[in-house]
């Protein structure tokens, strides 16, 4: 008679040959199919979790001074800012919390010690500061049209652009923005919401981005267009 080890190695293991091995019954998927599942003891591996505190953001820890002509309303994670130019509101994620002291200074702090909280800290501090500055002083974005025949004009609530297409480009101006054109080629977008100003200016620039050879197109006033050298003439 074969031993248990020899029977397993030769692939002729039969449970009837080893009736006393009751503890092996659990290793079978079934007596009829004769499939043997070997169980190998696995050593448990322990992991030591180490808590690492994220450094506080240099931008996020800066306080925000609220001017006297701005009203702040804070309810839980909802912040409303009202000033002479308009009103803005924002809901903050659970990773950060907004606090206001008696002197009216706003501080944004981390509510959790996680990587995402460290990322949200500086971001929402900047967004909060943009809200306060926007309703009190406002923002503006300047664009420049470069190219022969490129012109811009404001007609009622539309910005009309002539950018070399077969038809003029007409863009509706949002209600919370003001658009002014100087010398037919300089566009000034102003308002109290910095996000909407940047989005509208980017939409205008998207119609004709500046090309790198002659610099023709719509560019920001402070944008530096990297120029490329054109094809050289035939060498003699």
C-alpha atoms as a PDB file:
ATOM      1  CA  UNK A   1       0.000   0.000   0.000  1.00  0.00           C
ATOM      2  CA  UNK A   2       1.225   3.450  -0.876  1.00  0.00           C
ATOM      3  CA  UNK A   3       1.794   6.022   1.793  1.00  0.00           C
ATOM      4  CA  UNK A   4      -0.177   9.235   1.894  1.00  0.00           C
ATOM      5  CA  UNK A   5       2.723  11.273   0.529  1.00  0.00           C
ATOM      6  CA  UNK A   6       3.429   8.827  -2.308  1.00  0.00           C
ATOM      7  CA  UNK A   7      -0.227   8.667  -3.280  1.00  0.00           C
ATOM      8  CA  UNK A   8      -0.432  12.458  -3.554  1.00  0.00           C
ATOM      9  CA  UNK A   9       2.799  12.720  -5.556  1.00  0.00           C
ATOM     10  CA  UNK A  10       1.774   9.943  -7.984  1.00  0.00           C
ATOM     11  CA  UNK A  11      -1.681  11.393  -8.461  1.00  0.00           C
ATOM     12  CA  UNK A  12      -3.492   8.208  -7.386  1.00  0.00           C
ATOM     13  CA  UNK A  13      -4.811   9.473  -4.094  1.00  0.00           C
ATOM     14  CA  UNK A  14      -8.031   7.727  -3.052  1.00  0.00           C
ATOM     15  CA  UNK A  15      -9.843   8.635   0.103  1.00  0.00           C
ATOM     16  CA  UNK A  16     -10.947   5.029   0.658  1.00  0.00           C
ATOM     17  CA  UNK A  17      -7.312   3.959   1.103  1.00  0.00           C
ATOM     18  CA  UNK A  18      -6.952   6.324   4.052  1.00  0.00           C
ATOM     19  CA  UNK A  19     -10.187   6.051   6.078  1.00  0.00           C
ATOM     20  CA  UNK A  20      -8.606   7.400   9.239  1.00  0.00           C
ATOM     21  CA  UNK A  21      -7.658  10.699   7.676  1.00  0.00           C
ATOM     22  CA  UNK A  22     -10.903  12.479   8.641  1.00  0.00           C
ATOM     23  CA  UNK A  23      -9.214  15.833   8.773  1.00  0.00           C
ATOM     24  CA  UNK A  24      -8.462  15.572   5.038  1.00  0.00           C
ATOM     25  CA  UNK A  25     -12.131  15.464   4.080  1.00  0.00           C
ATOM     26  CA  UNK A  26     -12.255  19.266   4.058  1.00  0.00           C
ATOM     27  CA  UNK A  27      -9.481  19.294   1.469  1.00  0.00           C
ATOM     28  CA  UNK A  28     -11.695  17.607  -1.118  1.00  0.00           C
ATOM     29  CA  UNK A  29     -14.003  19.387  -3.512  1.00  0.00           C
ATOM     30  CA  UNK A  30     -15.859  16.075  -3.829  1.00  0.00           C
ATOM     31  CA  UNK A  31     -15.217  12.369  -3.512  1.00  0.00           C
ATOM     32  CA  UNK A  32     -16.348  11.593  -7.037  1.00  0.00           C
ATOM     33  CA  UNK A  33     -14.160  14.020  -8.936  1.00  0.00           C
ATOM     34  CA  UNK A  34     -11.074  13.013  -6.951  1.00  0.00           C
ATOM     35  CA  UNK A  35      -9.628  16.539  -6.919  1.00  0.00           C
ATOM     36  CA  UNK A  36      -7.207  17.172  -4.124  1.00  0.00           C
ATOM     37  CA  UNK A  37      -6.584  20.714  -2.912  1.00  0.00           C
ATOM     38  CA  UNK A  38      -3.409  21.111  -0.948  1.00  0.00           C
ATOM     39  CA  UNK A  39      -3.372  23.612   1.874  1.00  0.00           C
ATOM     40  CA  UNK A  40      -0.117  25.426   2.551  1.00  0.00           C
ATOM     41  CA  UNK A  41       0.208  27.273   5.841  1.00  0.00           C
ATOM     42  CA  UNK A  42       0.761  30.979   5.311  1.00  0.00           C
ATOM     43  CA  UNK A  43       2.595  33.063   7.844  1.00  0.00           C
ATOM     44  CA  UNK A  44       0.720  36.217   8.809  1.00  0.00           C
ATOM     45  CA  UNK A  45       2.533  39.403   7.954  1.00  0.00           C
ATOM     46  CA  UNK A  46       1.949  42.402  10.169  1.00  0.00           C
ATOM     47  CA  UNK A  47       2.074  45.967   8.902  1.00  0.00           C
ATOM     48  CA  UNK A  48       2.894  48.917  11.094  1.00  0.00           C
ATOM     49  CA  UNK A  49       0.883  51.978  10.133  1.00  0.00           C
ATOM     50  CA  UNK A  50       2.762  55.200  10.654  1.00  0.00           C
ATOM     51  CA  UNK A  51       0.860  58.459  10.706  1.00  0.00           C
ATOM     52  CA  UNK A  52       2.675  61.247   8.894  1.00  0.00           C
ATOM     53  CA  UNK A  53       1.444  64.778   9.436  1.00  0.00           C
ATOM     54  CA  UNK A  54       1.382  66.881   6.291  1.00  0.00           C
ATOM     55  CA  UNK A  55       3.091  70.225   6.369  1.00  0.00           C
ATOM     56  CA  UNK A  56       0.809  73.220   6.512  1.00  0.00           C
ATOM     57  CA  UNK A  57       0.516  75.179   3.291  1.00  0.00           C
ATOM     58  CA  UNK A  58       2.332  78.520   3.326  1.00  0.00           C
ATOM     59  CA  UNK A  59      -0.491  80.063   1.312  1.00  0.00           C
ATOM     60  CA  UNK A  60      -3.264  78.332   3.216  1.00  0.00           C
ATOM     61  CA  UNK A  61      -2.173  79.507   6.662  1.00  0.00           C
ATOM     62  CA  UNK A  62      -2.224  83.194   5.694  1.00  0.00           C
ATOM     63  CA  UNK A  63      -5.224  85.071   7.138  1.00  0.00           C
ATOM     64  CA  UNK A  64      -7.680  86.975   4.948  1.00  0.00           C
ATOM     65  CA  UNK A  65      -8.470  90.515   6.006  1.00  0.00           C
ATOM     66  CA  UNK A  66     -12.056  91.504   5.192  1.00  0.00           C
ATOM     67  CA  UNK A  67     -12.638  95.187   4.257  1.00  0.00           C
ATOM     68  CA  UNK A  68     -15.272  97.203   6.064  1.00  0.00           C
ATOM     69  CA  UNK A  69     -17.534  97.374   2.983  1.00  0.00           C
ATOM     70  CA  UNK A  70     -17.766  93.579   2.664  1.00  0.00           C
ATOM     71  CA  UNK A  71     -20.319  91.468   4.545  1.00  0.00           C
ATOM     72  CA  UNK A  72     -19.478  87.864   5.434  1.00  0.00           C
ATOM     73  CA  UNK A  73     -22.080  85.188   6.214  1.00  0.00           C
ATOM     74  CA  UNK A  74     -20.741  81.823   7.398  1.00  0.00           C
ATOM     75  CA  UNK A  75     -23.087  78.887   7.990  1.00  0.00           C
ATOM     76  CA  UNK A  76     -21.285  75.592   8.470  1.00  0.00           C
ATOM     77  CA  UNK A  77     -19.409  74.869   5.233  1.00  0.00           C
ATOM     78  CA  UNK A  78     -21.249  77.573   3.257  1.00  0.00           C
ATOM     79  CA  UNK A  79     -19.737  81.045   2.870  1.00  0.00           C
ATOM     80  CA  UNK A  80     -21.442  84.082   1.354  1.00  0.00           C
ATOM     81  CA  UNK A  81     -19.567  87.279   0.545  1.00  0.00           C
ATOM     82  CA  UNK A  82     -21.403  90.488  -0.353  1.00  0.00           C
ATOM     83  CA  UNK A  83     -19.780  93.740  -1.387  1.00  0.00           C
ATOM     84  CA  UNK A  84     -20.390  96.877  -3.458  1.00  0.00           C
ATOM     85  CA  UNK A  85     -19.701  95.069  -6.753  1.00  0.00           C
ATOM     86  CA  UNK A  86     -21.751  91.918  -6.205  1.00  0.00           C
ATOM     87  CA  UNK A  87     -22.330  88.781  -4.163  1.00  0.00           C
ATOM     88  CA  UNK A  88     -20.581  85.404  -4.270  1.00  0.00           C
ATOM     89  CA  UNK A  89     -21.058  82.116  -2.415  1.00  0.00           C
ATOM     90  CA  UNK A  90     -19.109  78.889  -2.096  1.00  0.00           C
ATOM     91  CA  UNK A  91     -19.502  75.504  -0.387  1.00  0.00           C
ATOM     92  CA  UNK A  92     -16.317  74.048   1.079  1.00  0.00           C
ATOM     93  CA  UNK A  93     -15.407  70.329   1.151  1.00  0.00           C
ATOM     94  CA  UNK A  94     -15.066  68.407   4.385  1.00  0.00           C
ATOM     95  CA  UNK A  95     -11.252  68.492   4.153  1.00  0.00           C
ATOM     96  CA  UNK A  96     -11.123  72.180   5.111  1.00  0.00           C
ATOM     97  CA  UNK A  97     -12.982  74.425   7.541  1.00  0.00           C
ATOM     98  CA  UNK A  98     -13.487  78.178   7.515  1.00  0.00           C
ATOM     99  CA  UNK A  99     -13.288  80.254  10.684  1.00  0.00           C
ATOM    100  CA  UNK A 100     -13.895  83.906  11.405  1.00  0.00           C
ATOM    101  CA  UNK A 101     -12.716  85.748  14.501  1.00  0.00           C
ATOM    102  CA  UNK A 102     -14.196  88.812  16.184  1.00  0.00           C
ATOM    103  CA  UNK A 103     -12.011  91.230  14.243  1.00  0.00           C
ATOM    104  CA  UNK A 104     -13.440  89.929  10.945  1.00  0.00           C
ATOM    105  CA  UNK A 105     -10.342  88.048   9.783  1.00  0.00           C
ATOM    106  CA  UNK A 106     -11.052  84.787   7.928  1.00  0.00           C
ATOM    107  CA  UNK A 107      -8.788  81.766   8.243  1.00  0.00           C
ATOM    108  CA  UNK A 108      -8.961  78.520   6.299  1.00  0.00           C
ATOM    109  CA  UNK A 109      -7.684  75.449   8.145  1.00  0.00           C
ATOM    110  CA  UNK A 110      -7.382  71.741   7.470  1.00  0.00           C
ATOM    111  CA  UNK A 111     -10.026  69.547   9.071  1.00  0.00           C
ATOM    112  CA  UNK A 112      -8.183  66.301   8.300  1.00  0.00           C
ATOM    113  CA  UNK A 113      -4.562  65.236   8.145  1.00  0.00           C
ATOM    114  CA  UNK A 114      -4.639  63.722   4.664  1.00  0.00           C
ATOM    115  CA  UNK A 115      -2.892  64.371   1.398  1.00  0.00           C
ATOM    116  CA  UNK A 116      -6.055  65.706  -0.228  1.00  0.00           C
ATOM    117  CA  UNK A 117      -6.662  68.048   2.708  1.00  0.00           C
ATOM    118  CA  UNK A 118      -3.183  69.466   2.242  1.00  0.00           C
ATOM    119  CA  UNK A 119      -3.961  70.079  -1.431  1.00  0.00           C
ATOM    120  CA  UNK A 120      -7.338  71.682  -0.723  1.00  0.00           C
ATOM    121  CA  UNK A 121      -5.914  73.952   1.990  1.00  0.00           C
ATOM    122  CA  UNK A 122      -4.010  76.401  -0.207  1.00  0.00           C
ATOM    123  CA  UNK A 123      -6.531  76.158  -3.053  1.00  0.00           C
ATOM    124  CA  UNK A 124      -9.601  77.180  -1.063  1.00  0.00           C
ATOM    125  CA  UNK A 125      -7.703  79.886   0.790  1.00  0.00           C
ATOM    126  CA  UNK A 126      -6.895  81.467  -2.597  1.00  0.00           C
ATOM    127  CA  UNK A 127     -10.491  81.046  -3.804  1.00  0.00           C
ATOM    128  CA  UNK A 128     -11.768  82.704  -0.620  1.00  0.00           C
ATOM    129  CA  UNK A 129      -9.381  85.627  -1.026  1.00  0.00           C
ATOM    130  CA  UNK A 130     -10.482  86.041  -4.655  1.00  0.00           C
ATOM    131  CA  UNK A 131     -14.087  86.261  -3.481  1.00  0.00           C
ATOM    132  CA  UNK A 132     -13.316  89.019  -0.973  1.00  0.00           C
ATOM    133  CA  UNK A 133     -11.168  91.024  -3.391  1.00  0.00           C
ATOM    134  CA  UNK A 134     -13.623  90.503  -6.248  1.00  0.00           C
ATOM    135  CA  UNK A 135     -16.705  91.947  -4.526  1.00  0.00           C
ATOM    136  CA  UNK A 136     -14.710  94.885  -3.138  1.00  0.00           C
ATOM    137  CA  UNK A 137     -12.204  95.842  -5.867  1.00  0.00           C
ATOM    138  CA  UNK A 138     -12.909  93.581  -8.842  1.00  0.00           C
ATOM    139  CA  UNK A 139     -10.672  91.939 -11.434  1.00  0.00           C
ATOM    140  CA  UNK A 140      -9.908  92.480 -15.094  1.00  0.00           C
ATOM    141  CA  UNK A 141      -8.280  90.570 -17.941  1.00  0.00           C
ATOM    142  CA  UNK A 142      -6.810  92.209 -21.046  1.00  0.00           C
ATOM    143  CA  UNK A 143      -6.510  90.670 -24.502  1.00  0.00           C
ATOM    144  CA  UNK A 144      -4.738  91.891 -27.622  1.00  0.00           C
ATOM    145  CA  UNK A 145      -5.673  91.233 -31.250  1.00  0.00           C
ATOM    146  CA  UNK A 146      -2.657  90.895 -33.548  1.00  0.00           C
ATOM    147  CA  UNK A 147      -3.147  90.601 -37.305  1.00  0.00           C
ATOM    148  CA  UNK A 148      -4.142  92.553 -40.377  1.00  0.00           C
ATOM    149  CA  UNK A 149      -7.879  93.211 -40.361  1.00  0.00           C
ATOM    150  CA  UNK A 150      -8.426  91.769 -36.884  1.00  0.00           C
ATOM    151  CA  UNK A 151     -10.984  93.945 -35.108  1.00  0.00           C
ATOM    152  CA  UNK A 152     -13.351  93.782 -32.146  1.00  0.00           C
ATOM    153  CA  UNK A 153     -16.458  95.763 -31.272  1.00  0.00           C
ATOM    154  CA  UNK A 154     -19.168  95.615 -28.602  1.00  0.00           C
ATOM    155  CA  UNK A 155     -22.751  95.630 -29.881  1.00  0.00           C
ATOM    156  CA  UNK A 156     -25.281  95.801 -27.027  1.00  0.00           C
ATOM    157  CA  UNK A 157     -24.619  92.585 -25.043  1.00  0.00           C
ATOM    158  CA  UNK A 158     -22.476  90.882 -27.679  1.00  0.00           C
ATOM    159  CA  UNK A 159     -18.782  90.961 -28.479  1.00  0.00           C
ATOM    160  CA  UNK A 160     -18.220  90.837 -32.238  1.00  0.00           C
ATOM    161  CA  UNK A 161     -14.821  89.675 -33.487  1.00  0.00           C
ATOM    162  CA  UNK A 162     -13.375  89.848 -36.996  1.00  0.00           C
ATOM    163  CA  UNK A 163     -10.621  87.243 -36.996  1.00  0.00           C
ATOM    164  CA  UNK A 164     -10.151  86.406 -40.660  1.00  0.00           C
ATOM    165  CA  UNK A 165     -13.066  83.997 -40.966  1.00  0.00           C
ATOM    166  CA  UNK A 166     -15.722  84.245 -43.671  1.00  0.00           C
ATOM    167  CA  UNK A 167     -18.101  85.569 -41.032  1.00  0.00           C
ATOM    168  CA  UNK A 168     -17.746  87.623 -37.838  1.00  0.00           C
ATOM    169  CA  UNK A 169     -17.680  85.782 -34.515  1.00  0.00           C
ATOM    170  CA  UNK A 170     -20.394  86.900 -32.118  1.00  0.00           C
ATOM    171  CA  UNK A 171     -20.117  86.058 -28.409  1.00  0.00           C
ATOM    172  CA  UNK A 172     -22.748  86.807 -25.771  1.00  0.00           C
ATOM    173  CA  UNK A 173     -21.380  88.705 -22.777  1.00  0.00           C
ATOM    174  CA  UNK A 174     -22.450  87.249 -19.390  1.00  0.00           C
ATOM    175  CA  UNK A 175     -24.522  89.457 -17.118  1.00  0.00           C
ATOM    176  CA  UNK A 176     -21.877  89.621 -14.366  1.00  0.00           C
ATOM    177  CA  UNK A 177     -19.106  90.765 -16.745  1.00  0.00           C
ATOM    178  CA  UNK A 178     -18.247  94.020 -18.463  1.00  0.00           C
ATOM    179  CA  UNK A 179     -16.388  94.075 -21.777  1.00  0.00           C
ATOM    180  CA  UNK A 180     -14.759  97.182 -23.227  1.00  0.00           C
ATOM    181  CA  UNK A 181     -12.826  97.545 -26.491  1.00  0.00           C
ATOM    182  CA  UNK A 182     -10.060 100.115 -26.985  1.00  0.00           C
ATOM    183  CA  UNK A 183      -8.605 101.033 -30.373  1.00  0.00           C
ATOM    184  CA  UNK A 184     -10.497  98.124 -31.977  1.00  0.00           C
ATOM    185  CA  UNK A 185      -7.778  95.654 -30.966  1.00  0.00           C
ATOM    186  CA  UNK A 186      -7.647  95.770 -27.147  1.00  0.00           C
ATOM    187  CA  UNK A 187     -10.307  93.905 -25.171  1.00  0.00           C
ATOM    188  CA  UNK A 188     -10.782  94.474 -21.434  1.00  0.00           C
ATOM    189  CA  UNK A 189     -12.919  91.979 -19.512  1.00  0.00           C
ATOM    190  CA  UNK A 190     -13.809  93.042 -15.963  1.00  0.00           C
ATOM    191  CA  UNK A 191     -16.076  91.836 -13.159  1.00  0.00           C
ATOM    192  CA  UNK A 192     -16.165  90.541  -9.600  1.00  0.00           C
ATOM    193  CA  UNK A 193     -15.935  86.793 -10.284  1.00  0.00           C
ATOM    194  CA  UNK A 194     -12.365  85.933 -11.248  1.00  0.00           C
ATOM    195  CA  UNK A 195     -13.318  82.458 -12.471  1.00  0.00           C
ATOM    196  CA  UNK A 196     -15.892  83.781 -14.946  1.00  0.00           C
ATOM    197  CA  UNK A 197     -13.499  86.469 -16.170  1.00  0.00           C
ATOM    198  CA  UNK A 198     -10.794  83.936 -16.924  1.00  0.00           C
ATOM    199  CA  UNK A 199     -13.255  81.545 -18.579  1.00  0.00           C
ATOM    200  CA  UNK A 200     -14.681  84.215 -20.899  1.00  0.00           C
ATOM    201  CA  UNK A 201     -11.221  85.509 -21.818  1.00  0.00           C
ATOM    202  CA  UNK A 202     -10.073  81.966 -22.589  1.00  0.00           C
ATOM    203  CA  UNK A 203     -13.146  81.456 -24.794  1.00  0.00           C
ATOM    204  CA  UNK A 204     -12.273  84.586 -26.794  1.00  0.00           C
ATOM    205  CA  UNK A 205      -8.660  83.503 -27.205  1.00  0.00           C
ATOM    206  CA  UNK A 206      -9.732  80.024 -28.293  1.00  0.00           C
ATOM    207  CA  UNK A 207     -11.196  81.345 -31.548  1.00  0.00           C
ATOM    208  CA  UNK A 208      -7.754  82.309 -32.874  1.00  0.00           C
ATOM    209  CA  UNK A 209      -4.814  81.336 -30.632  1.00  0.00           C
ATOM    210  CA  UNK A 210      -1.565  83.128 -31.501  1.00  0.00           C
ATOM    211  CA  UNK A 211       0.531  81.227 -34.033  1.00  0.00           C
ATOM    212  CA  UNK A 212       4.289  80.988 -33.458  1.00  0.00           C
ATOM    213  CA  UNK A 213       5.576  82.284 -36.814  1.00  0.00           C
ATOM    214  CA  UNK A 214       4.104  85.777 -37.155  1.00  0.00           C
ATOM    215  CA  UNK A 215       2.331  85.987 -33.802  1.00  0.00           C
ATOM    216  CA  UNK A 216      -1.068  86.547 -35.378  1.00  0.00           C
ATOM    217  CA  UNK A 217      -4.123  85.784 -33.263  1.00  0.00           C
ATOM    218  CA  UNK A 218      -5.740  86.682 -29.943  1.00  0.00           C
ATOM    219  CA  UNK A 219      -3.362  86.720 -26.997  1.00  0.00           C
ATOM    220  CA  UNK A 220      -3.341  87.940 -23.428  1.00  0.00           C
ATOM    221  CA  UNK A 221      -1.772  91.354 -22.936  1.00  0.00           C
ATOM    222  CA  UNK A 222       0.965  89.913 -20.724  1.00  0.00           C
ATOM    223  CA  UNK A 223       1.416  86.727 -22.756  1.00  0.00           C
ATOM    224  CA  UNK A 224       4.780  85.985 -24.359  1.00  0.00           C
ATOM    225  CA  UNK A 225       4.430  84.050 -27.607  1.00  0.00           C
ATOM    226  CA  UNK A 226       7.451  81.915 -28.394  1.00  0.00           C
ATOM    227  CA  UNK A 227       8.299  82.539 -32.019  1.00  0.00           C
ATOM    228  CA  UNK A 228       9.633  80.023 -34.514  1.00  0.00           C
ATOM    229  CA  UNK A 229      11.858  80.624 -37.467  1.00  0.00           C
ATOM    230  CA  UNK A 230      10.141  80.084 -40.794  1.00  0.00           C
ATOM    231  CA  UNK A 231      11.429  77.959 -43.620  1.00  0.00           C
ATOM    232  CA  UNK A 232      14.700  79.261 -44.956  1.00  0.00           C
ATOM    233  CA  UNK A 233      15.076  80.110 -48.632  1.00  0.00           C
ATOM    234  CA  UNK A 234      16.864  77.907 -51.092  1.00  0.00           C
ATOM    235  CA  UNK A 235      20.578  77.918 -50.404  1.00  0.00           C
ATOM    236  CA  UNK A 236      22.787  78.866 -53.303  1.00  0.00           C
END
